[in-house]
């Protein structure tokens, strides 16, 4: 599995926020999801997740800013790392979203159009 060491700081900040948004899609975060996040963070070598998430929350206040930040992620490798990890987290949710909905679906569609 790819890891976040291949991502720029800006890409990691966006990725951290995307993870948070995915986890909050069903309005609650189960303990199993937090365990999955810890496991995924370890495997991806995302040791600065919390710092990146704090920065995301300060710089991406709404849906429009989220879309703008997503559009700045232009490298195919970065997009793949982000989408692969989000997909894995989505599958592990207690009630997984349809893959065409939510954060994963939005990013897949947006990045497919701009590829």
C-alpha atoms as a PDB file:
ATOM      1  CA  UNK A   1       0.000   0.000   0.000  1.00  0.00           C
ATOM      2  CA  UNK A   2       1.318   3.493  -0.805  1.00  0.00           C
ATOM      3  CA  UNK A   3       2.084   5.782   2.092  1.00  0.00           C
ATOM      4  CA  UNK A   4       1.783   9.486   2.792  1.00  0.00           C
ATOM      5  CA  UNK A   5       5.513  10.044   2.564  1.00  0.00           C
ATOM      6  CA  UNK A   6       4.898  10.386  -1.168  1.00  0.00           C
ATOM      7  CA  UNK A   7       2.450  13.265  -0.552  1.00  0.00           C
ATOM      8  CA  UNK A   8       3.269  16.943  -0.275  1.00  0.00           C
ATOM      9  CA  UNK A   9       2.254  18.810   2.858  1.00  0.00           C
ATOM     10  CA  UNK A  10      -0.761  20.345   1.092  1.00  0.00           C
ATOM     11  CA  UNK A  11      -1.848  16.896  -0.120  1.00  0.00           C
ATOM     12  CA  UNK A  12      -1.522  15.461   3.392  1.00  0.00           C
ATOM     13  CA  UNK A  13      -3.601  18.304   4.852  1.00  0.00           C
ATOM     14  CA  UNK A  14      -6.343  17.638   2.307  1.00  0.00           C
ATOM     15  CA  UNK A  15      -6.121  13.895   2.908  1.00  0.00           C
ATOM     16  CA  UNK A  16      -6.499  14.337   6.680  1.00  0.00           C
ATOM     17  CA  UNK A  17      -9.629  16.422   6.203  1.00  0.00           C
ATOM     18  CA  UNK A  18     -11.035  13.937   3.717  1.00  0.00           C
ATOM     19  CA  UNK A  19     -10.580  11.132   6.232  1.00  0.00           C
ATOM     20  CA  UNK A  20     -12.379  13.148   8.891  1.00  0.00           C
ATOM     21  CA  UNK A  21     -15.228  14.008   6.510  1.00  0.00           C
ATOM     22  CA  UNK A  22     -15.607  10.361   5.493  1.00  0.00           C
ATOM     23  CA  UNK A  23     -15.775   9.267   9.102  1.00  0.00           C
ATOM     24  CA  UNK A  24     -18.418  11.890   9.908  1.00  0.00           C
ATOM     25  CA  UNK A  25     -20.689  11.094   6.956  1.00  0.00           C
ATOM     26  CA  UNK A  26     -23.058   9.066   9.117  1.00  0.00           C
ATOM     27  CA  UNK A  27     -22.931  11.662  11.937  1.00  0.00           C
ATOM     28  CA  UNK A  28     -21.098   9.383  14.340  1.00  0.00           C
ATOM     29  CA  UNK A  29     -17.740   7.716  14.689  1.00  0.00           C
ATOM     30  CA  UNK A  30     -17.729   4.181  16.047  1.00  0.00           C
ATOM     31  CA  UNK A  31     -14.823   2.893  18.128  1.00  0.00           C
ATOM     32  CA  UNK A  32     -14.032   0.391  15.375  1.00  0.00           C
ATOM     33  CA  UNK A  33     -13.647   3.281  12.924  1.00  0.00           C
ATOM     34  CA  UNK A  34     -11.169   4.985  15.247  1.00  0.00           C
ATOM     35  CA  UNK A  35      -9.215   1.734  15.491  1.00  0.00           C
ATOM     36  CA  UNK A  36      -9.247   1.458  11.695  1.00  0.00           C
ATOM     37  CA  UNK A  37      -7.989   5.039  11.448  1.00  0.00           C
ATOM     38  CA  UNK A  38      -5.131   4.287  13.833  1.00  0.00           C
ATOM     39  CA  UNK A  39      -4.235   1.158  11.894  1.00  0.00           C
ATOM     40  CA  UNK A  40      -4.436   2.948   8.547  1.00  0.00           C
ATOM     41  CA  UNK A  41      -2.382   5.888   9.838  1.00  0.00           C
ATOM     42  CA  UNK A  42       0.317   3.469  10.966  1.00  0.00           C
ATOM     43  CA  UNK A  43       0.383   1.590   7.668  1.00  0.00           C
ATOM     44  CA  UNK A  44       0.453   4.829   5.653  1.00  0.00           C
ATOM     45  CA  UNK A  45       3.103   6.353   7.929  1.00  0.00           C
ATOM     46  CA  UNK A  46       0.768   9.297   8.606  1.00  0.00           C
ATOM     47  CA  UNK A  47       2.326  10.268  11.920  1.00  0.00           C
ATOM     48  CA  UNK A  48       1.289  13.936  11.612  1.00  0.00           C
ATOM     49  CA  UNK A  49      -2.404  13.224  10.930  1.00  0.00           C
ATOM     50  CA  UNK A  50      -3.657  15.349  13.843  1.00  0.00           C
ATOM     51  CA  UNK A  51      -1.472  18.331  12.878  1.00  0.00           C
ATOM     52  CA  UNK A  52      -2.614  18.106   9.260  1.00  0.00           C
ATOM     53  CA  UNK A  53      -6.241  17.810  10.350  1.00  0.00           C
ATOM     54  CA  UNK A  54      -5.924  20.933  12.520  1.00  0.00           C
ATOM     55  CA  UNK A  55      -4.559  22.836   9.518  1.00  0.00           C
ATOM     56  CA  UNK A  56      -7.350  21.510   7.283  1.00  0.00           C
ATOM     57  CA  UNK A  57      -9.997  22.670   9.743  1.00  0.00           C
ATOM     58  CA  UNK A  58      -8.498  26.172   9.777  1.00  0.00           C
ATOM     59  CA  UNK A  59      -8.128  26.495   6.011  1.00  0.00           C
ATOM     60  CA  UNK A  60     -11.096  24.574   4.575  1.00  0.00           C
ATOM     61  CA  UNK A  61     -14.222  25.967   6.222  1.00  0.00           C
ATOM     62  CA  UNK A  62     -16.902  24.815   3.765  1.00  0.00           C
ATOM     63  CA  UNK A  63     -17.851  22.713   0.748  1.00  0.00           C
ATOM     64  CA  UNK A  64     -16.631  25.326  -1.728  1.00  0.00           C
ATOM     65  CA  UNK A  65     -13.204  25.448  -0.088  1.00  0.00           C
ATOM     66  CA  UNK A  66     -13.145  21.625  -0.025  1.00  0.00           C
ATOM     67  CA  UNK A  67     -13.757  21.478  -3.767  1.00  0.00           C
ATOM     68  CA  UNK A  68     -11.101  24.122  -4.405  1.00  0.00           C
ATOM     69  CA  UNK A  69      -8.605  22.189  -2.260  1.00  0.00           C
ATOM     70  CA  UNK A  70      -9.466  18.962  -4.102  1.00  0.00           C
ATOM     71  CA  UNK A  71      -8.839  20.679  -7.426  1.00  0.00           C
ATOM     72  CA  UNK A  72      -5.345  21.634  -6.251  1.00  0.00           C
ATOM     73  CA  UNK A  73      -4.484  17.944  -5.841  1.00  0.00           C
ATOM     74  CA  UNK A  74      -3.299  17.361  -9.384  1.00  0.00           C
ATOM     75  CA  UNK A  75      -0.786  14.542  -9.162  1.00  0.00           C
ATOM     76  CA  UNK A  76      -2.304  11.189 -10.170  1.00  0.00           C
ATOM     77  CA  UNK A  77      -0.165   9.342  -7.583  1.00  0.00           C
ATOM     78  CA  UNK A  78      -1.439  11.591  -4.768  1.00  0.00           C
ATOM     79  CA  UNK A  79      -5.021  11.139  -5.916  1.00  0.00           C
ATOM     80  CA  UNK A  80      -4.568   7.360  -5.949  1.00  0.00           C
ATOM     81  CA  UNK A  81      -3.101   7.273  -2.424  1.00  0.00           C
ATOM     82  CA  UNK A  82      -6.014   9.351  -1.133  1.00  0.00           C
ATOM     83  CA  UNK A  83      -8.743   7.443  -2.962  1.00  0.00           C
ATOM     84  CA  UNK A  84      -7.344   4.019  -2.070  1.00  0.00           C
ATOM     85  CA  UNK A  85      -7.190   4.873   1.618  1.00  0.00           C
ATOM     86  CA  UNK A  86     -10.645   6.478   1.651  1.00  0.00           C
ATOM     87  CA  UNK A  87     -12.107   3.460  -0.112  1.00  0.00           C
ATOM     88  CA  UNK A  88     -10.570   1.119   2.450  1.00  0.00           C
ATOM     89  CA  UNK A  89     -11.932   3.196   5.322  1.00  0.00           C
ATOM     90  CA  UNK A  90     -15.348   3.371   3.686  1.00  0.00           C
ATOM     91  CA  UNK A  91     -15.532  -0.399   3.369  1.00  0.00           C
ATOM     92  CA  UNK A  92     -14.696  -0.796   7.054  1.00  0.00           C
ATOM     93  CA  UNK A  93     -17.458   1.533   8.259  1.00  0.00           C
ATOM     94  CA  UNK A  94     -20.270  -0.100  10.206  1.00  0.00           C
ATOM     95  CA  UNK A  95     -22.725   1.188   7.597  1.00  0.00           C
ATOM     96  CA  UNK A  96     -20.688   1.809   4.447  1.00  0.00           C
ATOM     97  CA  UNK A  97     -21.922   4.491   2.075  1.00  0.00           C
ATOM     98  CA  UNK A  98     -22.617   3.705  -1.546  1.00  0.00           C
ATOM     99  CA  UNK A  99     -19.245   4.224  -3.240  1.00  0.00           C
ATOM    100  CA  UNK A 100     -20.848   6.829  -5.510  1.00  0.00           C
ATOM    101  CA  UNK A 101     -21.931   8.988  -2.570  1.00  0.00           C
ATOM    102  CA  UNK A 102     -20.091  10.870   0.123  1.00  0.00           C
ATOM    103  CA  UNK A 103     -16.493  12.055   0.120  1.00  0.00           C
ATOM    104  CA  UNK A 104     -15.134   9.082  -1.817  1.00  0.00           C
ATOM    105  CA  UNK A 105     -17.747   9.414  -4.559  1.00  0.00           C
ATOM    106  CA  UNK A 106     -17.355  13.165  -4.815  1.00  0.00           C
ATOM    107  CA  UNK A 107     -13.567  12.978  -5.147  1.00  0.00           C
ATOM    108  CA  UNK A 108     -13.735  10.062  -7.599  1.00  0.00           C
ATOM    109  CA  UNK A 109     -16.118  11.983  -9.829  1.00  0.00           C
ATOM    110  CA  UNK A 110     -14.279  15.304  -9.553  1.00  0.00           C
ATOM    111  CA  UNK A 111     -10.876  13.796 -10.253  1.00  0.00           C
ATOM    112  CA  UNK A 112     -12.218  11.643 -13.096  1.00  0.00           C
ATOM    113  CA  UNK A 113     -13.409  14.817 -14.824  1.00  0.00           C
ATOM    114  CA  UNK A 114     -10.047  16.549 -14.393  1.00  0.00           C
ATOM    115  CA  UNK A 115      -7.763  13.599 -15.134  1.00  0.00           C
END
